[in-house]
N, C-alpha and C. Protein backbone atom coordinates (compact mmCIF):
# COMPACT_ATOMS: atom_id res chain seq x y z
N UNK A 1 0.80 -1.13 0.03
CA UNK A 1 -0.04 -0.04 0.04
C UNK A 1 0.90 1.20 0.02
N UNK A 2 0.58 2.18 -0.87
CA UNK A 2 1.34 3.41 -0.94
C UNK A 2 0.99 4.33 0.09
N UNK A 3 1.77 5.28 0.41
CA UNK A 3 1.47 6.31 1.45
C UNK A 3 0.28 7.14 0.91
N UNK A 4 -0.60 7.28 1.80
CA UNK A 4 -1.77 8.17 1.37
C UNK A 4 -2.89 7.40 0.86
N UNK A 5 -2.68 6.02 0.52
CA UNK A 5 -3.83 5.25 -0.01
C UNK A 5 -4.72 4.84 1.26
N UNK A 6 -5.95 4.75 1.03
CA UNK A 6 -6.99 4.38 2.12
C UNK A 6 -6.99 2.81 1.97
N UNK A 7 -7.24 2.06 3.23
CA UNK A 7 -7.39 0.72 2.99
C UNK A 7 -8.81 0.48 2.44
N UNK A 8 -8.93 -0.51 1.62
CA UNK A 8 -10.12 -0.99 1.17
C UNK A 8 -10.92 -1.90 2.11
N UNK A 9 -12.20 -1.65 2.21
CA UNK A 9 -12.94 -2.50 3.14
C UNK A 9 -13.76 -3.45 2.30
N UNK A 10 -14.33 -4.64 2.87
CA UNK A 10 -15.09 -5.42 2.28
C UNK A 10 -16.38 -5.81 3.06
N UNK A 11 -17.47 -6.08 2.28
CA UNK A 11 -18.64 -6.38 2.96
C UNK A 11 -18.66 -7.84 3.57
N UNK A 12 -19.75 -8.28 4.11
CA UNK A 12 -19.65 -9.57 4.80
C UNK A 12 -19.46 -10.74 4.00
N UNK A 13 -19.52 -10.62 2.63
CA UNK A 13 -19.30 -11.67 1.75
C UNK A 13 -17.99 -11.49 0.91
N UNK A 14 -17.08 -10.64 1.41
CA UNK A 14 -15.86 -10.31 1.02
C UNK A 14 -15.72 -9.53 -0.28
N UNK A 15 -16.80 -8.91 -0.72
CA UNK A 15 -16.85 -8.08 -1.80
C UNK A 15 -16.23 -6.61 -1.51
N UNK A 16 -15.34 -6.08 -2.30
CA UNK A 16 -14.92 -4.67 -1.96
C UNK A 16 -16.02 -3.79 -2.13
N UNK A 17 -15.89 -2.82 -1.27
CA UNK A 17 -16.82 -1.63 -1.33
C UNK A 17 -16.21 -0.40 -1.09
N UNK A 18 -16.69 0.76 -1.48
CA UNK A 18 -16.14 2.03 -1.26
C UNK A 18 -16.28 2.55 0.12
N UNK A 19 -15.30 3.11 0.82
CA UNK A 19 -15.74 3.61 2.17
C UNK A 19 -16.75 4.63 2.11
N UNK A 20 -17.70 4.64 3.06
CA UNK A 20 -18.73 5.52 3.12
C UNK A 20 -19.97 5.14 2.30
N UNK A 21 -19.93 3.93 1.56
CA UNK A 21 -20.98 3.53 0.81
C UNK A 21 -22.09 2.94 1.74
N UNK A 22 -23.37 3.04 1.33
CA UNK A 22 -24.42 2.49 2.12
C UNK A 22 -24.58 0.97 1.86
N UNK A 23 -24.81 0.45 3.07
CA UNK A 23 -24.90 -1.09 2.96
C UNK A 23 -26.46 -1.48 3.05
N UNK A 24 -26.80 -2.52 2.42
CA UNK A 24 -28.16 -2.93 2.45
C UNK A 24 -28.37 -3.59 3.91
N UNK A 25 -29.70 -3.75 4.29
CA UNK A 25 -29.95 -4.25 5.60
C UNK A 25 -29.50 -5.69 5.91
N UNK A 26 -29.16 -6.45 4.68
CA UNK A 26 -28.80 -7.80 4.97
C UNK A 26 -27.36 -7.96 5.37
N UNK A 27 -26.63 -6.89 5.33
CA UNK A 27 -25.15 -6.89 5.63
C UNK A 27 -24.84 -6.15 6.82
N UNK A 28 -23.86 -6.59 7.61
CA UNK A 28 -23.29 -5.92 8.87
C UNK A 28 -24.39 -5.45 9.73
N UNK A 29 -25.07 -6.28 10.23
CA UNK A 29 -26.00 -6.05 11.34
C UNK A 29 -25.56 -6.55 12.69
N UNK A 30 -26.14 -5.97 13.74
CA UNK A 30 -25.82 -6.49 15.02
C UNK A 30 -27.07 -6.50 15.97
N UNK A 31 -27.08 -7.38 16.91
CA UNK A 31 -28.14 -7.35 17.89
C UNK A 31 -27.72 -6.63 19.17
N UNK A 32 -28.57 -5.69 19.56
CA UNK A 32 -28.17 -4.86 20.73
C UNK A 32 -29.41 -4.55 21.50
N UNK A 33 -29.22 -4.14 22.85
CA UNK A 33 -30.31 -3.79 23.51
C UNK A 33 -30.87 -2.44 23.04
N UNK A 34 -32.22 -2.22 23.23
CA UNK A 34 -32.88 -1.01 22.62
C UNK A 34 -32.14 0.26 23.29
N UNK A 35 -31.75 0.14 24.47
CA UNK A 35 -31.21 1.22 25.29
C UNK A 35 -29.82 1.75 24.62
N UNK A 36 -29.25 0.95 23.75
CA UNK A 36 -28.05 1.35 22.96
C UNK A 36 -28.33 2.17 21.75
N UNK A 37 -29.57 2.26 21.27
CA UNK A 37 -29.95 2.93 20.06
C UNK A 37 -29.87 4.35 20.26
N UNK A 38 -29.37 5.06 19.28
CA UNK A 38 -29.19 6.54 19.36
C UNK A 38 -29.81 7.13 18.00
N UNK A 39 -30.15 8.49 18.15
CA UNK A 39 -30.54 9.17 16.92
C UNK A 39 -29.48 9.05 15.88
N UNK A 40 -30.00 8.64 14.63
CA UNK A 40 -29.16 8.43 13.40
C UNK A 40 -28.92 6.88 13.17
N UNK A 41 -29.23 6.03 14.10
CA UNK A 41 -29.06 4.58 13.95
C UNK A 41 -30.18 4.11 12.97
N UNK A 42 -29.75 3.07 12.07
CA UNK A 42 -30.69 2.37 11.33
C UNK A 42 -31.10 1.17 12.10
N UNK A 43 -32.50 1.05 12.40
CA UNK A 43 -33.01 0.01 13.29
C UNK A 43 -34.07 -0.79 12.59
N UNK A 44 -34.13 -2.04 12.83
CA UNK A 44 -35.27 -2.82 12.25
C UNK A 44 -36.28 -2.85 13.35
N UNK A 45 -37.50 -2.29 12.93
CA UNK A 45 -38.62 -2.17 13.84
C UNK A 45 -39.08 -3.60 14.27
N UNK A 46 -39.08 -3.91 15.53
CA UNK A 46 -39.29 -5.34 15.99
C UNK A 46 -40.79 -5.73 15.61
N UNK A 47 -41.72 -4.73 15.52
CA UNK A 47 -43.09 -5.02 15.25
C UNK A 47 -43.41 -5.26 13.71
N UNK A 48 -42.90 -4.16 12.85
CA UNK A 48 -43.18 -4.28 11.49
C UNK A 48 -42.14 -5.00 10.64
N UNK A 49 -40.82 -5.01 11.10
CA UNK A 49 -39.83 -5.56 10.37
C UNK A 49 -39.21 -4.55 9.33
N UNK A 50 -39.63 -3.37 9.38
CA UNK A 50 -39.25 -2.36 8.45
C UNK A 50 -37.90 -1.64 9.01
N UNK A 51 -37.01 -1.41 8.08
CA UNK A 51 -35.81 -0.59 8.51
C UNK A 51 -36.11 0.75 8.59
N UNK A 52 -35.78 1.62 9.70
CA UNK A 52 -36.10 2.89 9.82
C UNK A 52 -34.95 3.54 10.56
N UNK A 53 -34.78 4.78 10.10
CA UNK A 53 -33.71 5.69 10.77
C UNK A 53 -34.25 6.41 11.93
N UNK A 54 -33.64 6.34 13.01
CA UNK A 54 -34.12 6.89 14.25
C UNK A 54 -33.72 8.48 14.20
N UNK A 55 -34.82 9.18 14.23
CA UNK A 55 -34.68 10.65 14.09
C UNK A 55 -34.89 11.46 15.37
N UNK A 56 -35.51 10.81 16.35
CA UNK A 56 -35.70 11.48 17.58
C UNK A 56 -36.05 10.49 18.69
N UNK A 57 -35.60 10.76 19.90
CA UNK A 57 -36.00 9.88 21.03
C UNK A 57 -36.59 10.74 22.14
N UNK A 58 -37.36 10.11 23.00
CA UNK A 58 -38.01 10.92 23.95
C UNK A 58 -38.19 10.03 25.17
N UNK A 59 -37.63 10.58 26.35
CA UNK A 59 -37.70 9.82 27.68
C UNK A 59 -38.98 10.46 28.43
N UNK A 60 -39.66 9.42 29.14
CA UNK A 60 -40.69 9.91 29.92
C UNK A 60 -40.89 9.00 31.07
N UNK A 61 -41.72 9.28 32.04
CA UNK A 61 -42.07 8.41 33.14
C UNK A 61 -43.45 8.08 33.10
N UNK A 62 -43.66 6.75 33.17
CA UNK A 62 -45.07 6.32 33.26
C UNK A 62 -45.62 6.43 34.71
N UNK A 63 -46.60 7.39 34.80
CA UNK A 63 -47.11 7.67 36.16
C UNK A 63 -47.83 6.59 36.91
N UNK A 64 -48.35 5.66 36.16
CA UNK A 64 -49.10 4.47 36.82
C UNK A 64 -48.12 3.64 37.47
N UNK A 65 -46.89 3.34 36.87
CA UNK A 65 -45.92 2.48 37.49
C UNK A 65 -44.59 3.14 38.07
N UNK A 66 -44.62 4.48 37.68
CA UNK A 66 -43.42 5.20 37.94
C UNK A 66 -42.18 4.61 37.51
N UNK A 67 -42.16 4.16 36.22
CA UNK A 67 -40.97 3.52 35.61
C UNK A 67 -40.64 4.30 34.36
N UNK A 68 -39.38 4.82 34.21
CA UNK A 68 -38.98 5.50 33.04
C UNK A 68 -38.97 4.68 31.76
N UNK A 69 -39.27 5.25 30.67
CA UNK A 69 -39.15 4.41 29.36
C UNK A 69 -38.68 5.41 28.36
N UNK A 70 -38.39 4.93 27.17
CA UNK A 70 -38.04 5.72 26.14
C UNK A 70 -38.81 5.44 24.78
N UNK A 71 -39.13 6.48 24.01
CA UNK A 71 -39.90 6.19 22.83
C UNK A 71 -38.91 6.54 21.75
N UNK A 72 -38.65 5.76 20.74
CA UNK A 72 -37.85 6.04 19.54
C UNK A 72 -38.72 6.29 18.37
N UNK A 73 -38.46 7.38 17.67
CA UNK A 73 -39.23 7.81 16.52
C UNK A 73 -38.44 7.62 15.33
N UNK A 74 -39.08 7.03 14.31
CA UNK A 74 -38.32 6.82 12.91
C UNK A 74 -38.65 7.84 11.85
N UNK A 75 -37.94 7.78 10.88
CA UNK A 75 -38.18 8.78 9.78
C UNK A 75 -39.47 8.54 9.03
N UNK A 76 -39.95 7.27 9.21
CA UNK A 76 -41.32 7.07 8.47
C UNK A 76 -42.55 7.31 9.30
N UNK A 77 -42.36 7.87 10.46
CA UNK A 77 -43.37 8.17 11.39
C UNK A 77 -43.65 6.92 12.36
N UNK A 78 -42.92 5.92 12.33
CA UNK A 78 -43.09 4.88 13.12
C UNK A 78 -42.49 5.20 14.55
N UNK A 79 -43.09 4.58 15.69
CA UNK A 79 -42.54 4.78 16.98
C UNK A 79 -42.18 3.34 17.54
N UNK A 80 -41.34 3.31 18.43
CA UNK A 80 -40.99 2.12 19.19
C UNK A 80 -40.75 2.52 20.56
N UNK A 81 -41.73 1.91 21.37
CA UNK A 81 -41.86 2.25 22.86
C UNK A 81 -41.03 1.06 23.57
N UNK A 82 -40.07 1.49 24.32
CA UNK A 82 -39.16 0.54 25.01
C UNK A 82 -40.05 -0.35 26.06
N UNK A 83 -41.23 -0.01 26.47
CA UNK A 83 -42.02 -0.81 27.43
C UNK A 83 -42.52 -2.04 26.64
N UNK A 84 -42.55 -2.01 25.29
CA UNK A 84 -43.10 -3.04 24.51
C UNK A 84 -42.09 -4.00 23.82
N UNK A 85 -40.90 -3.65 24.15
CA UNK A 85 -39.76 -4.44 23.44
C UNK A 85 -38.92 -5.26 24.44
N UNK A 86 -38.86 -6.54 24.35
CA UNK A 86 -38.05 -7.39 25.07
C UNK A 86 -36.93 -7.94 24.40
N UNK A 87 -35.89 -8.11 24.94
CA UNK A 87 -34.69 -8.72 24.29
C UNK A 87 -34.02 -7.74 23.43
N UNK A 88 -33.34 -8.30 22.41
CA UNK A 88 -32.35 -7.41 21.58
C UNK A 88 -33.15 -6.88 20.27
N UNK A 89 -32.60 -5.77 19.68
CA UNK A 89 -33.18 -5.40 18.39
C UNK A 89 -31.99 -5.43 17.45
N UNK A 90 -32.23 -5.40 16.07
CA UNK A 90 -31.34 -5.43 15.11
C UNK A 90 -31.07 -4.02 14.58
N UNK A 91 -29.76 -3.64 14.45
CA UNK A 91 -29.33 -2.34 13.97
C UNK A 91 -28.22 -2.48 13.04
N UNK A 92 -28.16 -1.71 12.02
CA UNK A 92 -27.08 -1.77 11.17
C UNK A 92 -25.71 -1.27 11.76
N UNK A 93 -24.64 -1.83 11.54
CA UNK A 93 -23.41 -1.51 12.01
C UNK A 93 -22.87 -0.13 11.41
N UNK A 94 -22.59 0.86 12.22
CA UNK A 94 -21.95 2.07 11.65
C UNK A 94 -20.49 1.82 11.46
N UNK A 95 -20.00 2.51 10.37
CA UNK A 95 -18.56 2.48 10.15
C UNK A 95 -17.93 3.68 10.42
């Protein structure tokens, strides 16, 4: 590799791709707790299966049980309420 050259990366099947290129949802995903999701993450909605980009999050406290929860809002208007999600969610890996 010459000085100044950037290393090439490969997708999960070993095919070269350009740095900064967008990956499809079938490549480079990880299972994480919902609490690790941040604005800008691509997340697979556990209810619909659709891939959404998280644009906003909102924390609130449920007065009935006095337990804090977070609502995640997607770019397509979808909401994911942490009270209704158990286990891990699928998000695309950021590079």
